[in-house]
Amino acid sequence: MNYGRELLKGNTDSLLLWLINYQPMYGYQIIKELEKRSNGYFQFKEGTLYPALHRLEKAGVIQGKWQRLPTGQERRYYYITQKGQKALTERLTVWQNFSAAMDLVIQPASG
């Protein structure tokens, strides 16, 4: 079983919300930023990213807006909504509690 893949599936939305909360981004930029910040651990494919972005947009936690670049090219930038900021805060609290509990279980017993 690929445990890393299962962990990623359960946390993709949190990762995307965190990045988009940091700054509005377009799809390819999100892929590159995740890869860079994780030292290559997260390597999203478009087939994973865009369905997740569409799901988040449908849920109202992000909003996509087309923007025209000076070159005339258009890119869809994603922005976090107020509902998304609330969801992100809740997700981070759950993650921090989970992580702290895991640390308590797996650290060597003292005493």
Protein backbone atom coordinates (compact mmCIF):
# COMPACT_ATOMS: atom_id res chain seq x y z
CA MET A 1 0.00 0.00 0.00
CA ASN A 2 1.27 3.47 -0.85
CA TYR A 3 0.80 5.30 2.45
CA GLY A 4 2.19 8.58 1.10
CA ARG A 5 -0.44 8.60 -1.61
CA GLU A 6 -3.22 7.98 0.92
CA LEU A 7 -1.95 10.81 3.13
CA LEU A 8 -1.83 13.11 0.12
CA LYS A 9 -5.40 12.25 -0.88
CA GLY A 10 -6.59 13.23 2.58
CA ASN A 11 -4.65 16.49 2.61
CA THR A 12 -4.69 17.79 -0.96
CA ASP A 13 -7.42 20.34 -0.23
CA SER A 14 -5.54 21.66 2.81
CA LEU A 15 -2.33 22.07 0.80
CA LEU A 16 -4.16 23.92 -1.98
CA LEU A 17 -6.04 26.18 0.43
CA TRP A 18 -2.82 27.01 2.26
CA LEU A 19 -0.98 28.00 -0.93
CA ILE A 20 -3.88 29.99 -2.34
CA ASN A 21 -4.32 31.72 1.02
CA TYR A 22 -0.65 32.72 0.86
CA GLN A 23 -1.20 34.32 -2.55
CA PRO A 24 -3.57 33.88 -5.50
CA MET A 25 -2.05 31.42 -7.98
CA TYR A 26 -2.76 29.76 -11.31
CA GLY A 27 -2.62 26.02 -11.87
CA TYR A 28 0.92 25.51 -13.17
CA GLN A 29 2.23 27.92 -10.53
CA ILE A 30 0.55 25.81 -7.82
CA ILE A 31 2.18 22.64 -9.15
CA LYS A 32 5.63 24.25 -9.17
CA GLU A 33 5.20 25.89 -5.75
CA LEU A 34 4.13 22.61 -4.11
CA GLU A 35 7.10 20.85 -5.66
CA LYS A 36 9.53 23.58 -4.58
CA ARG A 37 8.25 23.94 -1.02
CA SER A 38 8.22 20.17 -0.46
CA ASN A 39 11.71 19.62 -1.93
CA GLY A 40 10.15 17.54 -4.67
CA TYR A 41 7.99 15.34 -2.42
CA PHE A 42 4.73 16.69 -3.86
CA GLN A 43 4.62 16.28 -7.62
CA PHE A 44 1.08 17.01 -8.70
CA LYS A 45 -0.12 16.19 -12.18
CA GLU A 46 -2.74 18.31 -13.94
CA GLY A 47 -5.13 15.36 -13.69
CA THR A 48 -4.93 15.59 -9.90
CA LEU A 49 -4.77 19.36 -9.52
CA TYR A 50 -7.60 20.63 -11.70
CA PRO A 51 -10.31 18.29 -10.39
CA ALA A 52 -9.31 19.34 -6.85
CA LEU A 53 -9.44 23.04 -7.78
CA HIS A 54 -12.85 22.58 -9.41
CA ARG A 55 -14.12 20.71 -6.32
CA LEU A 56 -12.89 23.51 -4.04
CA GLU A 57 -14.42 26.14 -6.29
CA LYS A 58 -17.75 24.31 -6.33
CA ALA A 59 -17.63 24.16 -2.51
CA GLY A 60 -17.17 27.93 -2.42
CA VAL A 61 -13.82 27.91 -0.62
CA ILE A 62 -11.89 29.29 -3.59
CA GLN A 63 -12.85 31.42 -6.56
CA GLY A 64 -11.24 31.34 -9.99
CA LYS A 65 -10.88 34.52 -12.03
CA TRP A 66 -9.50 34.87 -15.54
CA GLN A 67 -6.79 37.52 -15.89
CA ARG A 68 -5.24 38.78 -19.09
CA LEU A 69 -1.47 39.09 -19.04
CA PRO A 70 0.38 41.90 -20.85
CA THR A 71 1.20 39.31 -23.55
CA GLY A 72 -2.52 38.86 -24.20
CA GLN A 73 -2.51 35.35 -22.74
CA GLU A 74 -5.17 34.58 -20.13
CA ARG A 75 -4.63 32.65 -16.91
CA ARG A 76 -7.14 31.54 -14.33
CA TYR A 77 -5.99 32.65 -10.89
CA TYR A 78 -7.51 31.10 -7.80
CA TYR A 79 -8.34 33.16 -4.72
CA ILE A 80 -9.39 31.95 -1.29
CA THR A 81 -12.83 33.06 -0.12
CA GLN A 82 -13.89 33.96 3.40
CA LYS A 83 -15.50 30.52 3.64
CA GLY A 84 -12.17 29.05 2.50
CA GLN A 85 -10.21 30.92 5.16
CA LYS A 86 -12.53 29.52 7.82
CA ALA A 87 -12.20 26.00 6.38
CA LEU A 88 -8.41 26.36 6.27
CA THR A 89 -8.28 27.43 9.93
CA GLU A 90 -10.38 24.41 10.90
CA ARG A 91 -8.27 22.03 8.80
CA LEU A 92 -5.02 23.35 10.27
CA THR A 93 -6.33 22.92 13.81
CA VAL A 94 -7.32 19.32 13.06
CA TRP A 95 -3.92 18.65 11.44
CA GLN A 96 -1.98 20.16 14.34
CA ASN A 97 -3.94 18.11 16.87
CA PHE A 98 -3.48 14.94 14.81
CA SER A 99 0.24 15.60 14.37
CA ALA A 100 0.74 16.28 18.08
CA ALA A 101 -1.10 13.07 18.98
CA MET A 102 1.00 11.08 16.48
CA ASP A 103 4.18 12.56 17.97
CA LEU A 104 3.07 11.49 21.45
CA VAL A 105 2.51 7.93 20.30
CA ILE A 106 5.67 7.46 18.23
CA GLN A 107 8.22 9.27 20.39
CA PRO A 108 10.30 7.08 22.67
CA ALA A 109 8.83 6.76 26.16
CA SER A 110 10.79 8.72 28.73
CA GLY A 111 11.27 7.57 32.25
